[in-house]
Structure formats: C-alpha cells, structure tokens
Amino acid sequence: MIEIVAEIPRAKNALPAFSRNVPLIPANSVAGRALVVVVAIMTFLACLTAGAALLVAKASQEWRSDVLREVTIQVKPLTNDDIETLVAKAATVAAQAPGVASARPYSKTDSERLLEPWLGAGLDFSLLPVPRIIVVRMRESSAENLARLREALARDAPEASLDDHRIWAARLGMMARAIVALATALFALVIVALATAIGFATRGAMAGSKEIVEILHFVGAADAFIANEFQAHFRRLGFRGALIGVSAAFAFFLGAAALSSWWANSPGGDEIAAMFGAFSLDGVGYVALAAVGAAVSLLTGYLSRSIVLKDLQKLQ
C-alpha cells in the first residue's frame, strides 16, 4: 500500500508532460525543408511563365496599335506621268482626309535606299518603275476613317493605293496568342508538378506519423481535426516557399527592367526595345505575381487536406 500511494504523486506530476501542445507533424523536418525548396522553385517558374505571358500580350497590343495606326500609300506612275506631282497630290488628299494626323511622302532618295538591301547599291533606279511611298499616321485607326481615306484616294488620286497593314496586325496577334497559349501550358505543367510534389510530401508525412494518426482516428478524433493539422502545416511550408519564389521573380523582373533600360541607351537598343518592349511589368503584373504566390500557398494546404481526408476514409 505504501508503494502504491508513493507512486500516485509521480503519476500526477507526469500528466502535464502529456498535455503539452506537441505538433502532429515535426515543424522543421528534412522533408519539410525540401518541400519549401521545391515550392519556391515551382513558384518562381510559374511566376516567370505568367510574367512572360503578360509581357508578350502587352508588347503584342503595342505592336498592333502601332501597325494599325500607321498606313502606307503607294503611288505607281505610268511611263509618262510626273511622279512628283502625283505624290504631292496624293499626300495632300491624304492629309485632308478625316482622322489623319500626318502624311509624309518618301523622297526619291529614300525610296531607292529602301531597295538597296535587295537590289544592291549603285543601281540606276531611273530605269525601274519604282513606286513611291507615303506614310500616313492616323489619329484613330477606325474602319470608317480608313474607308473615307480610300474613297478620297480613289476619287482624287487613282494612281495611289492604300495598304492598312491589317494582315500584318492579324499575324502579330496570332503569334502573340500562340506564345501566350504556350506559356499557359507551361504554367499548367508547373502546377501539376507542384501538386505531385505536395502529394508525395503529404503521404510521406502521414507515413511518418502513421501510428499517431491511427490512434487519434480510433480514439474518436474527427477526420477534420487531423486534416486541419496537416493543412496548417503544409500551408505554412507552402507560404514560405511561395514567398521565396515570388521574391525571386520580383528580383528577376526588376533586374530585367533595369537591364532593358540600359540596353535602350546602347547601340541597337532601339531595335531591342521595338521588338521586346521595355521588358518591365506594370503594377498589375506584379499584383498578378503576388496572386500566383498566394494561390500556391493556398493550393498546398488544400491538396494536403484533401489527400489526408481521402486516406482517413480508408481507415473506416
């Protein structure tokens, strides 16, 4: 009896050790740190594809706006026509048309310089019926204004023909849509790879805590309680990884914007800027990258909870 009584206080003193808030899953395991690295890499790649799609869409819109805002008039003279008179008349008609901001005719020298890359220098272009070009800048590239300009040329300058570049604009739009579709496919593949990694990590964590999970389940713990523990754990890991990935993407696009600004002041910078734009995201772009990171963090917790609930149903 004395020994039993002596053991009771020790049992009571041991109870607080079992009431401590011990996490169901180790907070700083090797697998957890590895998952943070994987989530960071996948988030960075997802942000890169999303940012690239936004840049291409923005550049394509600017290209098409420039192409549609500028139209050209070709003046094709006959054998005995005075080309200078015809060009001046067509330029005057175009400048007076509604919606036209300016009409600048190319000189004979400018026209010959345009043909030199194909025909070579030193060629006597007076022997060739070289058409003359008038570059027309529109205030608004509407179909109504273009139709009026075309009617005015047909009435007052029949030797001139109008090219509104809509075919080129359509091809640019098609190319941009193809690139955006490719970036979207890559983004989807990154998300699928991320979901696969989260699934393996969740099942690995459940295997490591298998005995504890089964005991909690059989003593009456609700499946939602166990799933919430896993969800909170993996959501924290996903948040850390997503924060690292989004920060790296921010640094990449800010560095690219600074580099493109430096390129713009270098030889050939105008061509690079015309082709790729400023290569800098606006505020909406950075908000989109932050949204990608938030979605990755929430997706990590949601997938973990779904996998745990599915596996717990098998224990019924």
Protein backbone atom coordinates (compact mmCIF):
# COMPACT_ATOMS: atom_id res chain seq x y z
CA MET A 1 0.00 0.00 0.00
CA ILE A 2 2.83 2.37 0.78
CA GLU A 3 4.43 1.79 -2.58
CA ILE A 4 1.17 2.38 -4.42
CA VAL A 5 0.48 5.59 -2.56
CA ALA A 6 4.01 6.76 -3.27
CA GLU A 7 3.56 6.18 -7.00
CA ILE A 8 0.36 8.26 -7.31
CA PRO A 9 2.00 11.69 -6.91
CA ARG A 10 4.56 10.78 -9.56
CA ALA A 11 1.76 9.80 -11.98
CA LYS A 12 0.03 13.12 -11.35
CA ASN A 13 3.25 15.02 -11.88
CA ALA A 14 3.69 13.22 -15.21
CA LEU A 15 0.33 14.38 -16.57
CA PRO A 16 1.46 17.89 -17.63
CA ALA A 17 4.05 16.31 -19.91
CA PHE A 18 1.24 14.75 -21.96
CA SER A 19 -0.79 17.97 -22.16
CA ARG A 20 1.83 19.99 -23.97
CA ASN A 21 0.93 21.30 -27.41
CA VAL A 22 3.10 18.92 -29.38
CA PRO A 23 2.55 19.24 -33.18
CA LEU A 24 1.31 16.22 -35.03
CA ILE A 25 3.95 16.74 -37.73
CA PRO A 26 7.53 17.87 -36.98
CA ALA A 27 7.85 21.55 -37.84
CA ASN A 28 11.46 21.55 -39.09
CA SER A 29 11.97 18.17 -40.68
CA VAL A 30 14.28 17.49 -43.61
CA ALA A 31 11.28 16.62 -45.79
CA GLY A 32 9.62 19.91 -44.86
CA ARG A 33 12.68 21.95 -45.81
CA ALA A 34 12.94 20.03 -49.08
CA LEU A 35 9.30 20.80 -49.84
CA VAL A 36 9.92 24.51 -49.20
CA VAL A 37 12.73 24.43 -51.78
CA VAL A 38 10.53 22.62 -54.31
CA VAL A 39 7.64 25.04 -53.78
CA ALA A 40 10.00 28.01 -54.13
CA ILE A 41 11.39 26.71 -57.44
CA MET A 42 7.97 25.85 -58.83
CA THR A 43 6.54 29.23 -57.75
CA PHE A 44 9.45 31.02 -59.40
CA LEU A 45 8.90 29.12 -62.65
CA ALA A 46 5.15 29.76 -62.52
CA CYS A 47 5.77 33.48 -62.00
CA LEU A 48 8.23 33.52 -64.90
CA THR A 49 5.72 31.95 -67.29
CA ALA A 50 2.91 34.23 -66.06
CA GLY A 51 5.11 37.32 -66.34
CA ALA A 52 6.33 36.31 -69.80
CA ALA A 53 2.74 35.85 -70.97
CA LEU A 54 1.83 39.31 -69.66
CA LEU A 55 4.86 40.89 -71.35
CA VAL A 56 4.10 39.25 -74.69
CA ALA A 57 0.44 40.24 -74.52
CA LYS A 58 1.38 43.84 -73.70
CA ALA A 59 4.04 44.01 -76.43
CA SER A 60 1.64 42.49 -78.96
CA GLN A 61 -1.00 45.08 -78.14
CA GLU A 62 1.54 47.87 -78.62
CA TRP A 63 2.77 46.36 -81.90
CA ARG A 64 -0.73 46.04 -83.31
CA SER A 65 -1.64 49.53 -82.15
CA ASP A 66 1.40 50.97 -83.93
CA VAL A 67 0.83 48.91 -87.06
CA LEU A 68 -2.85 49.82 -87.33
CA ARG A 69 -2.23 53.48 -86.54
CA GLU A 70 0.18 53.81 -89.46
CA VAL A 71 -0.87 53.09 -93.06
CA THR A 72 1.03 53.49 -96.32
CA ILE A 73 0.06 54.78 -99.73
CA GLN A 74 1.84 53.53 -102.83
CA VAL A 75 1.91 55.77 -105.89
CA LYS A 76 2.57 53.74 -109.06
CA PRO A 77 3.21 56.06 -112.02
CA LEU A 78 2.81 55.19 -115.68
CA THR A 79 5.52 55.81 -118.26
CA ASN A 80 4.82 59.50 -119.00
CA ASP A 81 3.46 60.53 -115.59
CA ASP A 82 5.12 63.17 -113.43
CA ILE A 83 5.77 61.17 -110.28
CA GLU A 84 6.49 64.18 -108.09
CA THR A 85 3.16 65.79 -109.00
CA LEU A 86 1.28 62.56 -108.33
CA VAL A 87 2.99 62.06 -104.96
CA ALA A 88 2.29 65.63 -103.88
CA LYS A 89 -1.37 65.33 -104.89
CA ALA A 90 -1.83 62.00 -103.07
CA ALA A 91 -0.13 63.40 -99.94
CA THR A 92 -2.43 66.44 -99.99
CA VAL A 93 -5.53 64.27 -100.39
CA ALA A 94 -4.42 62.02 -97.54
CA ALA A 95 -3.59 64.91 -95.21
CA GLN A 96 -7.09 66.38 -95.70
CA ALA A 97 -8.88 63.08 -95.02
CA PRO A 98 -10.75 62.66 -91.69
CA GLY A 99 -8.77 61.04 -88.88
CA VAL A 100 -5.35 61.62 -90.49
CA ALA A 101 -2.68 63.15 -88.26
CA SER A 102 0.09 63.47 -90.86
CA ALA A 103 1.09 62.31 -94.34
CA ARG A 104 4.82 62.18 -95.12
CA PRO A 105 5.92 61.21 -98.63
CA TYR A 106 9.23 59.43 -99.12
CA SER A 107 11.63 61.20 -101.42
CA LYS A 108 13.23 59.54 -104.46
CA THR A 109 16.43 59.03 -102.44
CA ASP A 110 14.54 57.47 -99.53
CA SER A 111 12.73 55.07 -101.84
CA GLU A 112 15.96 53.99 -103.50
CA ARG A 113 17.60 53.46 -100.12
CA LEU A 114 14.78 51.10 -99.13
CA LEU A 115 15.53 48.91 -102.18
CA GLU A 116 19.32 48.80 -101.77
CA PRO A 117 19.36 45.77 -99.37
CA TRP A 118 17.59 43.70 -102.06
CA LEU A 119 18.86 45.18 -105.33
CA GLY A 120 22.26 46.44 -104.22
CA ALA A 121 23.88 49.87 -104.29
CA GLY A 122 24.91 51.75 -107.40
CA LEU A 123 21.93 50.64 -109.47
CA ASP A 124 20.25 53.20 -111.75
CA PHE A 125 16.73 53.18 -110.37
CA SER A 126 15.52 55.63 -113.01
CA LEU A 127 15.19 52.68 -115.37
CA LEU A 128 12.80 50.91 -113.00
CA PRO A 129 9.18 51.82 -112.29
CA VAL A 130 9.81 52.21 -108.58
CA PRO A 131 6.62 53.16 -106.68
CA ARG A 132 6.76 55.99 -104.19
CA ILE A 133 5.51 55.57 -100.64
CA ILE A 134 3.59 57.99 -98.44
CA VAL A 135 3.49 57.17 -94.73
CA VAL A 136 0.17 58.23 -93.19
CA ARG A 137 -0.24 58.49 -89.41
CA MET A 138 -3.83 58.09 -88.22
CA ARG A 139 -5.27 59.71 -85.13
CA GLU A 140 -7.76 56.86 -84.77
CA SER A 141 -7.42 53.63 -86.71
CA SER A 142 -11.13 53.11 -87.29
CA ALA A 143 -12.60 51.31 -90.27
CA GLU A 144 -14.73 54.38 -91.07
CA ASN A 145 -11.72 56.70 -91.35
CA LEU A 146 -9.82 54.20 -93.49
CA ALA A 147 -12.82 53.80 -95.78
CA ARG A 148 -13.08 57.58 -96.23
CA LEU A 149 -9.36 57.82 -96.98
CA ARG A 150 -9.65 55.03 -99.52
CA GLU A 151 -12.61 56.74 -101.20
CA ALA A 152 -10.78 60.08 -101.35
CA LEU A 153 -7.74 58.49 -102.97
CA ALA A 154 -9.86 56.60 -105.47
CA ARG A 155 -11.64 59.81 -106.42
CA ASP A 156 -8.79 62.36 -106.48
CA ALA A 157 -5.63 60.24 -106.82
CA PRO A 158 -6.45 56.99 -108.66
CA GLU A 159 -2.75 56.20 -109.15
CA ALA A 160 -2.41 55.68 -105.38
CA SER A 161 -3.31 52.51 -103.47
CA LEU A 162 -3.82 52.20 -99.72
CA ASP A 163 -2.34 49.47 -97.51
CA ASP A 164 -3.77 49.43 -93.97
CA HIS A 165 -1.48 46.63 -92.65
CA ARG A 166 -4.38 44.67 -91.18
CA ILE A 167 -2.90 41.40 -92.45
CA TRP A 168 0.31 42.07 -90.53
CA ALA A 169 -1.66 43.02 -87.42
CA ALA A 170 -3.62 39.76 -87.64
CA ARG A 171 -0.38 37.76 -87.94
CA LEU A 172 1.13 39.56 -84.96
CA GLY A 173 -1.98 38.82 -82.93
CA MET A 174 -1.89 35.17 -83.93
CA MET A 175 1.78 34.90 -82.96
CA ALA A 176 1.13 36.55 -79.60
CA ARG A 177 -1.81 34.25 -78.88
CA ALA A 178 0.34 31.21 -79.69
CA ILE A 179 3.06 32.38 -77.29
CA VAL A 180 0.52 33.11 -74.55
CA ALA A 181 -1.04 29.67 -75.08
CA LEU A 182 2.40 28.06 -74.77
CA ALA A 183 3.09 30.00 -71.57
CA THR A 184 -0.29 28.91 -70.21
CA ALA A 185 0.51 25.27 -70.97
CA LEU A 186 3.87 25.59 -69.22
CA PHE A 187 2.17 27.23 -66.25
CA ALA A 188 -0.29 24.32 -66.05
CA LEU A 189 2.58 21.80 -66.18
CA VAL A 190 4.35 23.61 -63.33
CA ILE A 191 1.19 23.50 -61.23
CA VAL A 192 0.76 19.78 -61.96
CA ALA A 193 4.37 19.11 -60.95
CA LEU A 194 3.85 21.14 -57.78
CA ALA A 195 0.68 19.22 -56.91
CA THR A 196 2.54 15.94 -57.42
CA ALA A 197 5.32 17.04 -55.09
CA ILE A 198 2.78 18.10 -52.45
CA GLY A 199 1.04 14.74 -52.74
CA PHE A 200 4.26 12.81 -52.17
CA ALA A 201 5.22 15.07 -49.25
CA THR A 202 1.80 14.70 -47.62
CA ARG A 203 1.80 10.91 -47.90
CA GLY A 204 5.36 10.82 -46.59
CA ALA A 205 4.33 12.90 -43.59
CA MET A 206 1.36 10.62 -42.96
CA ALA A 207 3.61 7.56 -43.17
CA GLY A 208 5.97 9.12 -40.62
CA SER A 209 3.08 9.82 -38.25
CA LYS A 210 1.10 6.71 -39.11
CA GLU A 211 0.81 5.35 -35.57
CA ILE A 212 -0.25 8.69 -34.10
CA VAL A 213 -2.79 9.28 -36.87
CA GLU A 214 -4.30 5.82 -36.44
CA ILE A 215 -4.53 6.20 -32.65
CA LEU A 216 -6.20 9.58 -32.94
CA HIS A 217 -8.59 8.18 -35.50
CA PHE A 218 -9.57 5.12 -33.47
CA VAL A 219 -10.00 7.01 -30.18
CA GLY A 220 -12.60 9.19 -31.86
CA ALA A 221 -10.71 12.22 -33.21
CA ALA A 222 -12.62 13.75 -36.10
CA ASP A 223 -11.11 13.39 -39.54
CA ALA A 224 -11.44 17.14 -40.00
CA PHE A 225 -9.26 17.73 -36.91
CA ILE A 226 -6.44 15.56 -38.26
CA ALA A 227 -6.77 17.01 -41.74
CA ASN A 228 -6.66 20.55 -40.34
CA GLU A 229 -3.35 19.76 -38.63
CA PHE A 230 -1.83 18.63 -41.92
CA GLN A 231 -3.38 21.55 -43.79
CA ALA A 232 -1.96 24.13 -41.37
CA HIS A 233 1.49 22.51 -41.51
CA PHE A 234 1.70 22.33 -45.29
CA ARG A 235 0.14 25.74 -45.75
CA ARG A 236 2.95 27.21 -43.65
CA LEU A 237 5.52 25.38 -45.76
CA GLY A 238 3.77 26.49 -48.95
CA PHE A 239 3.70 30.09 -47.77
CA ARG A 240 7.43 30.07 -47.04
CA GLY A 241 8.26 28.52 -50.40
CA ALA A 242 5.86 30.79 -52.30
CA LEU A 243 7.28 33.87 -50.59
CA ILE A 244 10.80 32.89 -51.65
CA GLY A 245 9.70 32.12 -55.22
CA VAL A 246 7.70 35.35 -55.64
CA SER A 247 10.55 37.42 -54.18
CA ALA A 248 12.98 35.83 -56.64
CA ALA A 249 10.55 36.55 -59.52
CA PHE A 250 10.22 40.18 -58.40
CA ALA A 251 14.00 40.50 -58.34
CA PHE A 252 14.27 38.89 -61.79
CA PHE A 253 11.76 41.21 -63.48
CA LEU A 254 13.11 44.31 -61.73
CA GLY A 255 16.63 43.36 -62.86
CA ALA A 256 15.36 42.69 -66.39
CA ALA A 257 13.67 46.10 -66.46
CA ALA A 258 16.90 47.79 -65.36
CA LEU A 259 18.88 45.82 -67.96
CA SER A 260 16.44 46.69 -70.75
CA SER A 261 16.68 50.36 -69.74
CA TRP A 262 20.45 50.11 -70.09
CA TRP A 263 20.04 48.36 -73.46
CA ALA A 264 17.83 51.20 -74.69
CA ASN A 265 20.79 53.58 -74.35
CA SER A 266 23.21 51.25 -76.12
CA PRO A 267 23.82 50.70 -79.88
CA GLY A 268 20.93 48.70 -81.28
CA GLY A 269 18.82 49.44 -78.24
CA ASP A 270 16.01 50.93 -80.31
CA GLU A 271 15.62 47.67 -82.21
CA ILE A 272 15.60 45.62 -79.00
CA ALA A 273 13.04 47.94 -77.41
CA ALA A 274 10.87 47.80 -80.52
CA MET A 275 10.99 44.00 -80.55
CA PHE A 276 10.58 43.18 -76.85
CA GLY A 277 9.26 46.43 -75.40
CA ALA A 278 10.54 47.80 -72.11
CA PHE A 279 10.59 44.25 -70.63
CA SER A 280 9.13 45.60 -67.42
CA LEU A 281 5.91 44.67 -65.68
CA ASP A 282 3.49 47.32 -64.53
CA GLY A 283 1.70 47.34 -61.20
CA VAL A 284 -0.95 44.91 -62.42
CA GLY A 285 1.80 42.47 -63.44
CA TYR A 286 3.39 42.47 -60.01
CA VAL A 287 -0.02 42.04 -58.39
CA ALA A 288 -0.53 39.03 -60.67
CA LEU A 289 2.77 37.53 -59.49
CA ALA A 290 1.76 38.05 -55.87
CA ALA A 291 -1.57 36.37 -56.64
CA VAL A 292 0.30 33.38 -58.06
CA GLY A 293 2.24 33.08 -54.81
CA ALA A 294 -0.93 33.32 -52.70
CA ALA A 295 -2.62 30.69 -54.88
CA VAL A 296 0.35 28.34 -54.47
CA SER A 297 0.24 28.73 -50.69
CA LEU A 298 -3.49 28.02 -50.55
CA LEU A 299 -3.16 25.15 -53.03
CA THR A 300 -0.51 23.48 -50.88
CA GLY A 301 -2.78 23.43 -47.83
CA TYR A 302 -5.87 22.43 -49.79
CA LEU A 303 -4.22 19.48 -51.54
CA SER A 304 -2.72 18.25 -48.29
CA ARG A 305 -6.10 18.36 -46.55
CA SER A 306 -7.80 16.56 -49.45
CA ILE A 307 -5.21 13.78 -49.51
CA VAL A 308 -5.39 13.27 -45.74
CA LEU A 309 -9.18 13.10 -45.72
CA LYS A 310 -9.12 10.60 -48.58
CA ASP A 311 -6.62 8.36 -46.79
CA LEU A 312 -8.51 8.58 -43.49
CA GLN A 313 -11.65 7.32 -45.15
CA LYS A 314 -9.79 4.10 -45.88
CA LEU A 315 -9.39 3.53 -42.14
CA GLN A 316 -13.17 3.34 -41.59
